[in-house]
């Protein structure tokens, strides 16, 4: 893994920790995790369907647009 990849991963981890502490503070993590699970379980099924549809569209776009270009670049070399 190159240094840019490690930097990106570190940046995502720091941003996630900052977002977590800003949202939930330094409360008991077990209680906070139970609250998060309860909130997700309380969502309507339509939310999961919409999120699944968005994920599916992004995945198909990745398969049809990015991967063929990547294969074309490796064959030319």
PDB file of N, CA and C in Angstrom:
ATOM      1  N   UNK A   1       0.849  -1.163   0.000  1.00  0.00           N
ATOM      2  CA  UNK A   1       0.000   0.000   0.000  1.00  0.00           C
ATOM      3  C   UNK A   1       0.903   1.236   0.000  1.00  0.00           C
ATOM      4  N   UNK A   2       0.588   2.194  -0.850  1.00  0.00           N
ATOM      5  CA  UNK A   2       1.421   3.391  -0.934  1.00  0.00           C
ATOM      6  C   UNK A   2       1.098   4.376   0.188  1.00  0.00           C
ATOM      7  N   UNK A   3       1.918   5.393   0.299  1.00  0.00           N
ATOM      8  CA  UNK A   3       1.758   6.351   1.399  1.00  0.00           C
ATOM      9  C   UNK A   3       0.462   7.138   1.275  1.00  0.00           C
ATOM     10  N   UNK A   4       0.002   7.372   0.057  1.00  0.00           N
ATOM     11  CA  UNK A   4      -1.250   8.107  -0.132  1.00  0.00           C
ATOM     12  C   UNK A   4      -2.422   7.287   0.391  1.00  0.00           C
ATOM     13  N   UNK A   5      -2.414   5.989   0.155  1.00  0.00           N
ATOM     14  CA  UNK A   5      -3.475   5.121   0.654  1.00  0.00           C
ATOM     15  C   UNK A   5      -3.515   5.086   2.170  1.00  0.00           C
ATOM     16  N   UNK A   6      -2.343   5.001   2.788  1.00  0.00           N
ATOM     17  CA  UNK A   6      -2.278   5.021   4.253  1.00  0.00           C
ATOM     18  C   UNK A   6      -2.765   6.352   4.812  1.00  0.00           C
ATOM     19  N   UNK A   7      -2.412   7.437   4.144  1.00  0.00           N
ATOM     20  CA  UNK A   7      -2.877   8.753   4.576  1.00  0.00           C
ATOM     21  C   UNK A   7      -4.393   8.855   4.471  1.00  0.00           C
ATOM     22  N   UNK A   8      -4.965   8.348   3.385  1.00  0.00           N
ATOM     23  CA  UNK A   8      -6.412   8.381   3.211  1.00  0.00           C
ATOM     24  C   UNK A   8      -7.121   7.570   4.289  1.00  0.00           C
ATOM     25  N   UNK A   9      -6.596   6.395   4.605  1.00  0.00           N
ATOM     26  CA  UNK A   9      -7.201   5.560   5.650  1.00  0.00           C
ATOM     27  C   UNK A   9      -7.121   6.260   7.002  1.00  0.00           C
ATOM     28  N   UNK A  10      -5.978   6.851   7.307  1.00  0.00           N
ATOM     29  CA  UNK A  10      -5.825   7.573   8.580  1.00  0.00           C
ATOM     30  C   UNK A  10      -6.782   8.754   8.651  1.00  0.00           C
ATOM     31  N   UNK A  11      -6.964   9.443   7.537  1.00  0.00           N
ATOM     32  CA  UNK A  11      -7.881  10.581   7.496  1.00  0.00           C
ATOM     33  C   UNK A  11      -9.319  10.145   7.725  1.00  0.00           C
ATOM     34  N   UNK A  12      -9.727   9.033   7.147  1.00  0.00           N
ATOM     35  CA  UNK A  12     -11.086   8.518   7.342  1.00  0.00           C
ATOM     36  C   UNK A  12     -11.294   8.100   8.796  1.00  0.00           C
ATOM     37  N   UNK A  13     -10.295   7.453   9.394  1.00  0.00           N
ATOM     38  CA  UNK A  13     -10.408   7.033  10.793  1.00  0.00           C
ATOM     39  C   UNK A  13     -10.537   8.244  11.709  1.00  0.00           C
ATOM     40  N   UNK A  14      -9.711   9.254  11.499  1.00  0.00           N
ATOM     41  CA  UNK A  14      -9.776  10.459  12.335  1.00  0.00           C
ATOM     42  C   UNK A  14     -11.119  11.170  12.155  1.00  0.00           C
ATOM     43  N   UNK A  15     -11.587  11.282  10.922  1.00  0.00           N
ATOM     44  CA  UNK A  15     -12.882  11.929  10.682  1.00  0.00           C
ATOM     45  C   UNK A  15     -14.015  11.144  11.337  1.00  0.00           C
ATOM     46  N   UNK A  16     -13.946   9.814  11.281  1.00  0.00           N
ATOM     47  CA  UNK A  16     -14.967   8.991  11.930  1.00  0.00           C
ATOM     48  C   UNK A  16     -14.964   9.153  13.436  1.00  0.00           C
ATOM     49  N   UNK A  17     -13.786   9.185  14.030  1.00  0.00           N
ATOM     50  CA  UNK A  17     -13.696   9.382  15.479  1.00  0.00           C
ATOM     51  C   UNK A  17     -14.204  10.759  15.892  1.00  0.00           C
ATOM     52  N   UNK A  18     -13.868  11.779  15.116  1.00  0.00           N
ATOM     53  CA  UNK A  18     -14.356  13.122  15.422  1.00  0.00           C
ATOM     54  C   UNK A  18     -15.873  13.214  15.282  1.00  0.00           C
ATOM     55  N   UNK A  19     -16.416  12.595  14.245  1.00  0.00           N
ATOM     56  CA  UNK A  19     -17.871  12.609  14.064  1.00  0.00           C
ATOM     57  C   UNK A  19     -18.568  11.854  15.192  1.00  0.00           C
ATOM     58  N   UNK A  20     -17.988  10.742  15.618  1.00  0.00           N
ATOM     59  CA  UNK A  20     -18.577   9.953  16.704  1.00  0.00           C
ATOM     60  C   UNK A  20     -18.581  10.739  18.008  1.00  0.00           C
ATOM     61  N   UNK A  21     -17.435  11.332  18.355  1.00  0.00           N
ATOM     62  CA  UNK A  21     -17.376  12.061  19.625  1.00  0.00           C
ATOM     63  C   UNK A  21     -18.211  13.333  19.582  1.00  0.00           C
ATOM     64  N   UNK A  22     -18.336  13.941  18.415  1.00  0.00           N
ATOM     65  CA  UNK A  22     -19.182  15.132  18.306  1.00  0.00           C
ATOM     66  C   UNK A  22     -20.652  14.773  18.466  1.00  0.00           C
ATOM     67  N   UNK A  23     -21.043  13.627  17.926  1.00  0.00           N
ATOM     68  CA  UNK A  23     -22.443  13.214  17.985  1.00  0.00           C
ATOM     69  C   UNK A  23     -22.809  12.626  19.336  1.00  0.00           C
ATOM     70  N   UNK A  24     -21.996  11.725  19.858  1.00  0.00           N
ATOM     71  CA  UNK A  24     -22.358  10.982  21.064  1.00  0.00           C
ATOM     72  C   UNK A  24     -21.546  11.369  22.292  1.00  0.00           C
ATOM     73  N   UNK A  25     -20.502  12.142  22.127  1.00  0.00           N
ATOM     74  CA  UNK A  25     -19.664  12.512  23.252  1.00  0.00           C
ATOM     75  C   UNK A  25     -18.828  11.324  23.710  1.00  0.00           C
ATOM     76  N   UNK A  26     -18.395  11.379  24.961  1.00  0.00           N
ATOM     77  CA  UNK A  26     -17.575  10.312  25.507  1.00  0.00           C
ATOM     78  C   UNK A  26     -18.407   9.412  26.415  1.00  0.00           C
ATOM     79  N   UNK A  27     -19.639   9.113  25.994  1.00  0.00           N
ATOM     80  CA  UNK A  27     -20.533   8.266  26.781  1.00  0.00           C
ATOM     81  C   UNK A  27     -20.069   6.814  26.722  1.00  0.00           C
ATOM     82  N   UNK A  28     -20.784   5.970  27.449  1.00  0.00           N
ATOM     83  CA  UNK A  28     -20.494   4.540  27.456  1.00  0.00           C
ATOM     84  C   UNK A  28     -20.697   3.988  26.045  1.00  0.00           C
ATOM     85  N   UNK A  29     -19.651   3.415  25.426  1.00  0.00           N
ATOM     86  CA  UNK A  29     -19.786   2.946  24.044  1.00  0.00           C
ATOM     87  C   UNK A  29     -20.818   1.825  23.885  1.00  0.00           C
ATOM     88  N   UNK A  30     -20.993   0.969  24.906  1.00  0.00           N
ATOM     89  CA  UNK A  30     -21.958  -0.126  24.795  1.00  0.00           C
ATOM     90  C   UNK A  30     -23.383   0.425  24.713  1.00  0.00           C
ATOM     91  N   UNK A  31     -23.697   1.417  25.529  1.00  0.00           N
ATOM     92  CA  UNK A  31     -25.022   2.036  25.492  1.00  0.00           C
ATOM     93  C   UNK A  31     -25.232   2.762  24.180  1.00  0.00           C
ATOM     94  N   UNK A  32     -24.213   3.459  23.711  1.00  0.00           N
ATOM     95  CA  UNK A  32     -24.310   4.179  22.448  1.00  0.00           C
ATOM     96  C   UNK A  32     -24.531   3.206  21.296  1.00  0.00           C
ATOM     97  N   UNK A  33     -23.828   2.084  21.297  1.00  0.00           N
ATOM     98  CA  UNK A  33     -24.002   1.085  20.244  1.00  0.00           C
ATOM     99  C   UNK A  33     -25.419   0.525  20.258  1.00  0.00           C
ATOM    100  N   UNK A  34     -25.971   0.293  21.427  1.00  0.00           N
ATOM    101  CA  UNK A  34     -27.350  -0.192  21.521  1.00  0.00           C
ATOM    102  C   UNK A  34     -28.326   0.842  20.984  1.00  0.00           C
ATOM    103  N   UNK A  35     -28.077   2.131  21.228  1.00  0.00           N
ATOM    104  CA  UNK A  35     -28.937   3.182  20.691  1.00  0.00           C
ATOM    105  C   UNK A  35     -28.867   3.226  19.166  1.00  0.00           C
ATOM    106  N   UNK A  36     -27.670   3.059  18.620  1.00  0.00           N
ATOM    107  CA  UNK A  36     -27.504   3.068  17.165  1.00  0.00           C
ATOM    108  C   UNK A  36     -28.237   1.881  16.539  1.00  0.00           C
ATOM    109  N   UNK A  37     -28.089   0.711  17.128  1.00  0.00           N
ATOM    110  CA  UNK A  37     -28.770  -0.486  16.607  1.00  0.00           C
ATOM    111  C   UNK A  37     -30.284  -0.317  16.700  1.00  0.00           C
ATOM    112  N   UNK A  38     -30.772   0.231  17.807  1.00  0.00           N
ATOM    113  CA  UNK A  38     -32.214   0.457  17.952  1.00  0.00           C
ATOM    114  C   UNK A  38     -32.727   1.452  16.915  1.00  0.00           C
ATOM    115  N   UNK A  39     -31.942   2.489  16.617  1.00  0.00           N
ATOM    116  CA  UNK A  39     -32.353   3.474  15.605  1.00  0.00           C
ATOM    117  C   UNK A  39     -32.397   2.846  14.212  1.00  0.00           C
ATOM    118  N   UNK A  40     -31.413   2.011  13.893  1.00  0.00           N
ATOM    119  CA  UNK A  40     -31.398   1.351  12.586  1.00  0.00           C
ATOM    120  C   UNK A  40     -32.541   0.352  12.480  1.00  0.00           C
ATOM    121  N   UNK A  41     -32.799  -0.387  13.560  1.00  0.00           N
ATOM    122  CA  UNK A  41     -33.879  -1.374  13.537  1.00  0.00           C
ATOM    123  C   UNK A  41     -35.249  -0.703  13.447  1.00  0.00           C
ATOM    124  N   UNK A  42     -35.347   0.532  13.890  1.00  0.00           N
ATOM    125  CA  UNK A  42     -36.621   1.239  13.852  1.00  0.00           C
ATOM    126  C   UNK A  42     -36.935   1.900  12.522  1.00  0.00           C
ATOM    127  N   UNK A  43     -36.013   1.835  11.564  1.00  0.00           N
ATOM    128  CA  UNK A  43     -36.251   2.455  10.263  1.00  0.00           C
ATOM    129  C   UNK A  43     -37.289   1.666   9.466  1.00  0.00           C
ATOM    130  N   UNK A  44     -37.990   2.376   8.610  1.00  0.00           N
ATOM    131  CA  UNK A  44     -38.988   1.747   7.750  1.00  0.00           C
ATOM    132  C   UNK A  44     -38.294   0.918   6.659  1.00  0.00           C
ATOM    133  N   UNK A  45     -38.984  -0.084   6.161  1.00  0.00           N
ATOM    134  CA  UNK A  45     -38.399  -0.968   5.145  1.00  0.00           C
ATOM    135  C   UNK A  45     -38.091  -0.205   3.864  1.00  0.00           C
ATOM    136  N   UNK A  46     -38.820   0.867   3.588  1.00  0.00           N
ATOM    137  CA  UNK A  46     -38.570   1.646   2.376  1.00  0.00           C
ATOM    138  C   UNK A  46     -37.198   2.304   2.398  1.00  0.00           C
ATOM    139  N   UNK A  47     -36.721   2.658   3.580  1.00  0.00           N
ATOM    140  CA  UNK A  47     -35.384   3.247   3.687  1.00  0.00           C
ATOM    141  C   UNK A  47     -34.334   2.225   3.248  1.00  0.00           C
ATOM    142  N   UNK A  48     -34.482   0.995   3.697  1.00  0.00           N
ATOM    143  CA  UNK A  48     -33.537  -0.051   3.311  1.00  0.00           C
ATOM    144  C   UNK A  48     -33.625  -0.351   1.814  1.00  0.00           C
ATOM    145  N   UNK A  49     -34.824  -0.300   1.255  1.00  0.00           N
ATOM    146  CA  UNK A  49     -34.982  -0.532  -0.178  1.00  0.00           C
ATOM    147  C   UNK A  49     -34.327   0.571  -0.998  1.00  0.00           C
ATOM    148  N   UNK A  50     -34.496   1.812  -0.580  1.00  0.00           N
ATOM    149  CA  UNK A  50     -33.878   2.926  -1.298  1.00  0.00           C
ATOM    150  C   UNK A  50     -32.360   2.846  -1.197  1.00  0.00           C
ATOM    151  N   UNK A  51     -31.844   2.586   0.007  1.00  0.00           N
ATOM    152  CA  UNK A  51     -30.394   2.468   0.161  1.00  0.00           C
ATOM    153  C   UNK A  51     -29.832   1.292  -0.628  1.00  0.00           C
ATOM    154  N   UNK A  52     -30.560   0.182  -0.642  1.00  0.00           N
ATOM    155  CA  UNK A  52     -30.133  -0.960  -1.445  1.00  0.00           C
ATOM    156  C   UNK A  52     -30.140  -0.646  -2.933  1.00  0.00           C
ATOM    157  N   UNK A  53     -31.136   0.117  -3.378  1.00  0.00           N
ATOM    158  CA  UNK A  53     -31.195   0.520  -4.782  1.00  0.00           C
ATOM    159  C   UNK A  53     -30.045   1.435  -5.164  1.00  0.00           C
ATOM    160  N   UNK A  54     -29.731   2.380  -4.294  1.00  0.00           N
ATOM    161  CA  UNK A  54     -28.608   3.281  -4.558  1.00  0.00           C
ATOM    162  C   UNK A  54     -27.301   2.496  -4.606  1.00  0.00           C
ATOM    163  N   UNK A  55     -27.125   1.574  -3.658  1.00  0.00           N
ATOM    164  CA  UNK A  55     -25.928   0.737  -3.667  1.00  0.00           C
ATOM    165  C   UNK A  55     -25.862  -0.095  -4.950  1.00  0.00           C
ATOM    166  N   UNK A  56     -26.997  -0.651  -5.377  1.00  0.00           N
ATOM    167  CA  UNK A  56     -27.031  -1.451  -6.601  1.00  0.00           C
ATOM    168  C   UNK A  56     -26.666  -0.643  -7.834  1.00  0.00           C
ATOM    169  N   UNK A  57     -27.176   0.577  -7.922  1.00  0.00           N
ATOM    170  CA  UNK A  57     -26.851   1.440  -9.060  1.00  0.00           C
ATOM    171  C   UNK A  57     -25.365   1.759  -9.081  1.00  0.00           C
ATOM    172  N   UNK A  58     -24.806   2.079  -7.916  1.00  0.00           N
ATOM    173  CA  UNK A  58     -23.373   2.383  -7.849  1.00  0.00           C
ATOM    174  C   UNK A  58     -22.533   1.161  -8.199  1.00  0.00           C
ATOM    175  N   UNK A  59     -22.957  -0.009  -7.751  1.00  0.00           N
ATOM    176  CA  UNK A  59     -22.209  -1.225  -8.036  1.00  0.00           C
ATOM    177  C   UNK A  59     -22.238  -1.555  -9.527  1.00  0.00           C
ATOM    178  N   UNK A  60     -23.391  -1.427 -10.158  1.00  0.00           N
ATOM    179  CA  UNK A  60     -23.491  -1.701 -11.589  1.00  0.00           C
ATOM    180  C   UNK A  60     -22.688  -0.675 -12.383  1.00  0.00           C
ATOM    181  N   UNK A  61     -22.728   0.587 -11.954  1.00  0.00           N
ATOM    182  CA  UNK A  61     -21.913   1.607 -12.632  1.00  0.00           C
ATOM    183  C   UNK A  61     -20.434   1.279 -12.507  1.00  0.00           C
ATOM    184  N   UNK A  62     -20.018   0.803 -11.344  1.00  0.00           N
ATOM    185  CA  UNK A  62     -18.624   0.397 -11.150  1.00  0.00           C
ATOM    186  C   UNK A  62     -18.277  -0.758 -12.087  1.00  0.00           C
ATOM    187  N   UNK A  63     -19.158  -1.732 -12.190  1.00  0.00           N
ATOM    188  CA  UNK A  63     -18.893  -2.884 -13.051  1.00  0.00           C
ATOM    189  C   UNK A  63     -18.837  -2.511 -14.524  1.00  0.00           C
ATOM    190  N   UNK A  64     -19.710  -1.604 -14.942  1.00  0.00           N
ATOM    191  CA  UNK A  64     -19.807  -1.312 -16.372  1.00  0.00           C
ATOM    192  C   UNK A  64     -18.908  -0.178 -16.837  1.00  0.00           C
ATOM    193  N   UNK A  65     -18.507   0.708 -15.936  1.00  0.00           N
ATOM    194  CA  UNK A  65     -17.722   1.866 -16.368  1.00  0.00           C
ATOM    195  C   UNK A  65     -16.248   1.773 -15.944  1.00  0.00           C
ATOM    196  N   UNK A  66     -15.986   1.405 -14.708  1.00  0.00           N
ATOM    197  CA  UNK A  66     -14.612   1.454 -14.215  1.00  0.00           C
ATOM    198  C   UNK A  66     -13.812   0.203 -14.577  1.00  0.00           C
ATOM    199  N   UNK A  67     -14.389  -0.962 -14.353  1.00  0.00           N
ATOM    200  CA  UNK A  67     -13.625  -2.193 -14.584  1.00  0.00           C
ATOM    201  C   UNK A  67     -13.206  -2.391 -16.035  1.00  0.00           C
ATOM    202  N   UNK A  68     -14.068  -2.128 -17.031  1.00  0.00           N
ATOM    203  CA  UNK A  68     -13.582  -2.283 -18.415  1.00  0.00           C
ATOM    204  C   UNK A  68     -12.420  -1.344 -18.749  1.00  0.00           C
ATOM    205  N   UNK A  69     -12.436  -0.136 -18.214  1.00  0.00           N
ATOM    206  CA  UNK A  69     -11.322   0.792 -18.463  1.00  0.00           C
ATOM    207  C   UNK A  69     -10.046   0.288 -17.806  1.00  0.00           C
ATOM    208  N   UNK A  70     -10.171  -0.292 -16.637  1.00  0.00           N
ATOM    209  CA  UNK A  70      -9.005  -0.815 -15.930  1.00  0.00           C
ATOM    210  C   UNK A  70      -8.401  -1.990 -16.700  1.00  0.00           C
ATOM    211  N   UNK A  71      -9.242  -2.887 -17.227  1.00  0.00           N
ATOM    212  CA  UNK A  71      -8.744  -4.005 -18.017  1.00  0.00           C
ATOM    213  C   UNK A  71      -8.082  -3.518 -19.301  1.00  0.00           C
ATOM    214  N   UNK A  72      -8.653  -2.503 -19.918  1.00  0.00           N
ATOM    215  CA  UNK A  72      -8.082  -1.981 -21.159  1.00  0.00           C
ATOM    216  C   UNK A  72      -6.700  -1.393 -20.915  1.00  0.00           C
ATOM    217  N   UNK A  73      -6.503  -0.761 -19.770  1.00  0.00           N
ATOM    218  CA  UNK A  73      -5.192  -0.193 -19.463  1.00  0.00           C
ATOM    219  C   UNK A  73      -4.154  -1.276 -19.200  1.00  0.00           C
ATOM    220  N   UNK A  74      -4.540  -2.358 -18.565  1.00  0.00           N
ATOM    221  CA  UNK A  74      -3.560  -3.400 -18.254  1.00  0.00           C
ATOM    222  C   UNK A  74      -3.185  -4.206 -19.489  1.00  0.00           C
ATOM    223  N   UNK A  75      -4.089  -4.328 -20.445  1.00  0.00           N
ATOM    224  CA  UNK A  75      -3.794  -5.085 -21.658  1.00  0.00           C
ATOM    225  C   UNK A  75      -2.839  -4.300 -22.555  1.00  0.00           C
ATOM    226  N   UNK A  76      -2.974  -2.983 -22.608  1.00  0.00           N
ATOM    227  CA  UNK A  76      -2.132  -2.162 -23.471  1.00  0.00           C
ATOM    228  C   UNK A  76      -0.674  -2.184 -23.036  1.00  0.00           C
ATOM    229  N   UNK A  77      -0.401  -2.398 -21.794  1.00  0.00           N
ATOM    230  CA  UNK A  77       0.988  -2.348 -21.290  1.00  0.00           C
ATOM    231  C   UNK A  77       1.743  -3.539 -21.679  1.00  0.00           C
TER     232      UNK A  77
END
